[in-house]
Protein backbone atom coordinates (compact mmCIF):
# COMPACT_ATOMS: atom_id res chain seq x y z
CA ILE A 1 0.00 0.00 0.00
CA THR A 2 1.28 3.44 -0.91
CA VAL A 3 0.52 6.48 1.25
CA LEU A 4 1.13 9.79 -0.51
CA PRO A 5 1.19 13.42 0.64
CA THR A 6 -2.19 15.13 0.31
CA GLU A 7 -0.99 17.24 -2.62
CA SER A 8 -0.79 13.96 -4.55
CA VAL A 9 -4.42 13.11 -3.86
CA ASP A 10 -5.27 12.79 -7.56
CA ASN A 11 -2.41 10.37 -8.16
CA ASP A 12 -3.83 6.88 -8.71
CA SER A 13 -0.82 5.32 -7.00
CA ALA A 14 -2.44 6.41 -3.73
CA VAL A 15 -5.34 4.02 -4.42
CA CYS A 16 -5.45 0.44 -3.13
CA VAL A 17 -7.80 -1.85 -5.10
CA ILE A 18 -9.60 -4.66 -3.23
CA ARG A 19 -11.10 -7.27 -5.52
CA LYS A 20 -11.40 -11.05 -5.73
CA ASP A 21 -12.38 -13.11 -8.78
CA GLY A 22 -15.94 -14.39 -8.58
CA GLN A 23 -16.91 -11.98 -5.79
CA ASP A 24 -19.42 -9.17 -6.45
CA THR A 25 -18.07 -7.10 -3.60
CA HIS A 26 -15.09 -4.90 -4.45
CA GLY A 27 -13.69 -1.54 -3.46
CA THR A 28 -10.87 0.94 -3.26
CA LEU A 29 -9.07 2.79 -0.48
CA ARG A 30 -7.30 6.08 -1.17
CA LEU A 31 -4.60 6.90 1.40
CA THR A 32 -2.96 10.30 1.78
CA TYR A 33 -1.36 12.26 4.61
CA ASP A 34 -0.01 15.58 5.80
CA SER A 35 2.03 16.50 8.86
CA GLU A 36 -1.04 16.35 11.10
CA ARG A 37 -3.28 13.55 9.83
CA LEU A 38 -3.73 10.30 7.91
CA TYR A 39 -6.63 10.51 5.42
CA LEU A 40 -8.66 7.50 4.27
CA LYS A 41 -11.39 7.42 1.63
CA TRP A 42 -13.14 4.10 0.95
CA SER A 43 -15.47 3.35 -1.96
CA VAL A 44 -17.06 -0.10 -1.76
CA SER A 45 -19.70 -1.87 -3.86
CA GLY A 46 -21.58 -4.95 -2.67
CA ILE A 47 -22.16 -4.14 1.01
CA ARG A 48 -25.19 -2.53 2.69
CA TRP A 49 -23.34 -0.83 5.59
CA VAL A 50 -25.12 -2.71 8.36
CA ASN A 51 -23.66 -4.04 11.59
CA GLY A 52 -25.78 -5.35 14.45
CA GLY A 53 -22.90 -5.44 16.94
CA LYS A 54 -23.38 -4.34 20.55
CA ASP A 55 -19.65 -4.35 21.45
CA HIS A 56 -17.31 -2.00 19.55
CA ARG A 57 -14.42 -4.40 20.17
CA LEU A 58 -16.15 -7.12 18.11
CA LEU A 59 -17.55 -5.16 15.17
CA PHE A 60 -15.42 -7.20 12.76
CA LYS A 61 -17.48 -10.22 13.86
CA THR A 62 -20.96 -8.72 13.66
CA GLY A 63 -21.43 -7.19 10.21
CA ASP A 64 -20.05 -4.77 7.65
CA CYS A 65 -16.68 -3.28 8.53
CA LEU A 66 -13.70 -1.71 6.72
CA ASP A 67 -10.23 -2.62 7.96
CA PHE A 68 -6.93 -0.81 7.41
CA ARG A 69 -3.79 -2.44 8.88
CA CYS A 70 -0.50 -0.56 9.04
CA SER A 71 3.06 -1.15 10.16
CA PRO A 72 4.61 2.34 10.28
CA ASP A 73 8.17 1.01 10.45
CA GLY A 74 7.69 -1.17 7.38
CA GLY A 75 7.61 -4.47 9.26
CA HIS A 76 6.83 -7.63 7.31
CA GLY A 77 6.58 -10.11 10.19
CA GLN A 78 3.60 -12.31 11.00
CA SER A 79 3.39 -10.94 14.54
CA ALA A 80 2.58 -7.33 15.39
CA GLY A 81 5.35 -4.92 16.26
CA ASN A 82 5.42 -1.83 18.43
CA GLY A 83 3.50 0.94 16.69
CA ASP A 84 1.53 -1.35 14.37
CA PHE A 85 -2.14 -0.42 14.29
CA ARG A 86 -5.51 -1.22 12.71
CA LEU A 87 -8.33 1.19 11.96
CA LEU A 88 -11.81 -0.35 11.68
CA ALA A 89 -14.69 1.75 10.36
CA ALA A 90 -18.23 0.49 10.88
CA PRO A 91 -21.80 1.48 11.70
CA PHE A 92 -22.43 1.11 15.43
CA ARG A 93 -25.61 1.85 17.38
CA GLY A 94 -26.92 4.37 14.87
CA LYS A 95 -23.58 6.14 14.35
CA ASN A 96 -20.50 5.66 12.21
CA VAL A 97 -17.36 4.98 14.20
CA VAL A 98 -13.65 4.27 13.91
CA ILE A 99 -11.91 1.77 16.22
CA LEU A 100 -8.17 1.90 16.89
CA MET A 101 -6.63 -1.53 17.56
CA LYS A 102 -3.02 -1.98 18.70
CA GLU A 103 -1.81 -5.40 19.73
CA LYS A 104 1.28 -3.89 21.35
CA ASP A 105 1.01 -0.51 23.06
CA SER A 106 3.01 -0.16 26.27
CA GLY A 107 1.44 3.23 26.97
CA ALA A 108 -2.17 2.04 26.76
CA ASP A 109 -4.45 2.37 29.78
CA ALA A 110 -5.55 -1.02 31.12
CA GLN A 111 -9.19 -0.18 30.38
CA TYR A 112 -8.48 -0.49 26.64
CA GLY A 113 -7.00 -3.99 26.83
CA PHE A 114 -9.00 -6.87 25.38
CA ARG A 115 -8.42 -10.58 24.95
CA TYR A 116 -9.77 -12.31 21.83
CA THR A 117 -10.33 -16.01 22.49
CA SER A 118 -11.57 -19.19 20.88
CA PRO A 119 -11.23 -22.89 21.70
CA VAL A 120 -8.00 -23.02 19.70
CA ALA A 121 -6.28 -19.64 20.11
CA GLU A 122 -5.98 -16.45 22.11
CA VAL A 123 -4.67 -12.99 21.21
CA ARG A 124 -4.45 -10.03 23.59
CA PHE A 125 -4.59 -6.45 22.33
CA ASP A 126 -3.21 -3.68 24.54
CA ARG A 127 -5.57 -1.14 22.97
CA VAL A 128 -9.03 -1.51 21.41
CA GLN A 129 -10.49 1.99 21.55
CA LEU A 130 -13.37 3.96 20.08
CA LEU A 131 -11.83 7.09 18.56
CA HIS A 132 -14.49 9.55 19.70
CA PRO A 133 -13.02 12.64 17.98
CA VAL A 134 -13.05 10.77 14.65
CA GLU A 135 -16.46 10.60 12.96
CA PRO A 136 -16.52 9.16 9.43
CA HIS A 137 -18.59 10.79 6.73
CA VAL A 138 -20.60 8.01 5.08
CA ASP A 139 -22.62 8.15 1.87
CA VAL A 140 -24.74 5.06 1.16
CA SER A 141 -26.25 4.60 -2.30
CA PRO A 142 -27.52 1.58 -4.26
CA GLU A 143 -24.23 1.54 -6.20
CA ARG A 144 -21.67 1.94 -3.41
CA VAL A 145 -20.80 2.97 0.10
CA VAL A 146 -18.29 5.82 0.44
CA VAL A 147 -16.61 6.21 3.84
CA GLU A 148 -14.21 9.08 4.47
CA PHE A 149 -12.33 10.08 7.61
CA SER A 150 -8.98 11.29 8.91
CA VAL A 151 -7.05 10.46 12.07
CA PRO A 152 -4.40 12.64 13.76
CA TRP A 153 -1.01 10.97 13.88
CA GLU A 154 -0.89 11.88 17.56
CA LEU A 155 -3.93 9.67 18.28
CA LEU A 156 -2.24 6.80 16.45
CA GLY A 157 0.96 7.27 18.44
CA VAL A 158 2.85 7.43 15.15
CA THR A 159 5.40 9.95 13.87
CA PRO A 160 4.18 11.50 10.59
CA PRO A 161 5.92 10.05 7.53
CA SER A 162 8.73 11.93 5.86
CA SER A 163 10.35 11.54 2.48
CA GLY A 164 11.83 8.07 2.10
CA ASN A 165 9.77 6.40 4.85
CA ILE A 166 8.39 2.96 4.02
CA MET A 167 5.09 1.93 5.63
CA THR A 168 3.57 -1.48 4.94
CA GLY A 169 -0.05 -2.44 5.35
CA ASP A 170 -3.18 -3.98 3.94
CA ALA A 171 -6.80 -2.98 3.39
CA GLY A 172 -9.85 -5.18 3.63
CA ILE A 173 -13.62 -5.37 3.40
CA ILE A 174 -15.60 -7.44 5.92
CA GLY A 175 -19.16 -8.17 4.77
CA ALA A 176 -22.30 -8.93 6.76
CA ASP A 177 -24.67 -11.84 6.25
CA ALA A 178 -28.30 -11.26 5.24
CA SER A 179 -29.30 -10.53 8.85
CA GLY A 180 -26.61 -7.88 9.31
CA ASN A 181 -25.49 -9.49 12.57
CA VAL A 182 -22.64 -11.81 11.53
CA ASN A 183 -19.60 -11.42 9.32
CA ALA A 184 -20.04 -13.61 6.22
CA PHE A 185 -16.79 -12.95 4.32
CA ARG A 186 -13.46 -11.12 4.40
CA MET A 187 -11.60 -9.76 1.39
CA TYR A 188 -8.20 -8.03 1.47
CA HIS A 189 -5.90 -6.40 -1.05
CA SER A 190 -2.93 -8.63 -0.19
CA ASP A 191 -3.82 -11.17 2.51
CA ILE A 192 -5.16 -14.35 0.91
CA ARG A 193 -5.65 -16.14 4.26
CA THR A 194 -9.14 -14.74 4.74
CA ASN A 195 -11.45 -17.73 4.33
CA LEU A 196 -11.80 -18.04 8.11
CA VAL A 197 -14.66 -15.90 9.47
CA ASN A 198 -15.87 -17.70 12.61
CA ASP A 199 -12.84 -17.39 14.91
CA GLN A 200 -12.09 -14.19 16.88
CA PRO A 201 -8.28 -14.50 17.06
CA GLY A 202 -8.06 -15.77 13.47
């Protein structure tokens, strides 16, 4: 994924395409930044923007959700590193919200910690937090859902990029079932290990 300065917003290299053969759902994520904020603009076809979840920490399990994963230091490992974060955008209790998830965050207050468990695995996150100052603008039409928001680098605990920085990441669409209460599929730009939908840690 390429993140470009905001003055390059019309450059198509700032766009990440999310598509899988045989799947009606598809979308794009445009990523740009300035010294203060990271800007994300999603455009997704094939979802209704519904999520029946009652717990913001589990929205990726309960309906439509958009997921951006980032390793600011360019890490390529399977396990999360310090500073790695995820931003989940979803409808939640009549509002549109953004969730910040950091598996490793030594500065996180204990109230934000959460343990994801299943009969076969367990993963603890130091921070799973509703970003209250961040309110996505969402436009839902029969053709597509457009979700746009920005997040201050300070809230992410990340130093703004400078020329020559390499940041790695991925972008994905999580789709609801017909009831709008369960995740039915996951589709990412790069990660092909997304067939599993019924396991929290997975």
